Structures are given as structure tokens and as C-alpha cells.
Amino acid sequence: MLPNTDPVNKISILSRGMAL
């Protein structure tokens, strides 16, 4: 997995985590 340095990418990952 690529390092999530972008804030938007981080939010996207958090959103996916919450969805799951």
C-alpha cells in the first residue's frame, strides 16, 4: 500500500474504515 501523505487520501481511508 502507498503511504497516505495527502490529507484527502487519509480522510478517504478513514471513511472506508468507518464504512466497514
C-alpha atoms as a PDB file:
ATOM      1  CA  MET A   1       0.000   0.000   0.000  1.00  0.00           C
ATOM      2  CA  LEU A   2       1.184   3.518  -0.766  1.00  0.00           C
ATOM      3  CA  PRO A   3       1.872   5.933   2.095  1.00  0.00           C
ATOM      4  CA  ASN A   4      -1.170   8.147   2.624  1.00  0.00           C
ATOM      5  CA  THR A   5       0.567  11.526   2.809  1.00  0.00           C
ATOM      6  CA  ASP A   6      -2.307  13.518   1.313  1.00  0.00           C
ATOM      7  CA  PRO A   7      -4.950  14.663   3.833  1.00  0.00           C
ATOM      8  CA  VAL A   8      -7.723  13.862   1.354  1.00  0.00           C
ATOM      9  CA  ASN A   9      -6.392  10.333   0.933  1.00  0.00           C
ATOM     10  CA  LYS A  10      -6.246   9.954   4.707  1.00  0.00           C
ATOM     11  CA  ILE A  11      -9.877  11.069   5.031  1.00  0.00           C
ATOM     12  CA  SER A  12     -10.838   8.636   2.270  1.00  0.00           C
ATOM     13  CA  ILE A  13      -9.174   5.766   4.135  1.00  0.00           C
ATOM     14  CA  LEU A  14     -10.864   6.790   7.396  1.00  0.00           C
ATOM     15  CA  SER A  15     -14.219   6.972   5.611  1.00  0.00           C
ATOM     16  CA  ARG A  16     -13.736   3.482   4.201  1.00  0.00           C
ATOM     17  CA  GLY A  17     -12.704   2.204   7.622  1.00  0.00           C
ATOM     18  CA  MET A  18     -15.839   3.642   9.225  1.00  0.00           C
ATOM     19  CA  ALA A  19     -17.996   2.235   6.416  1.00  0.00           C
ATOM     20  CA  LEU A  20     -16.618  -1.226   7.159  1.00  0.00           C
END
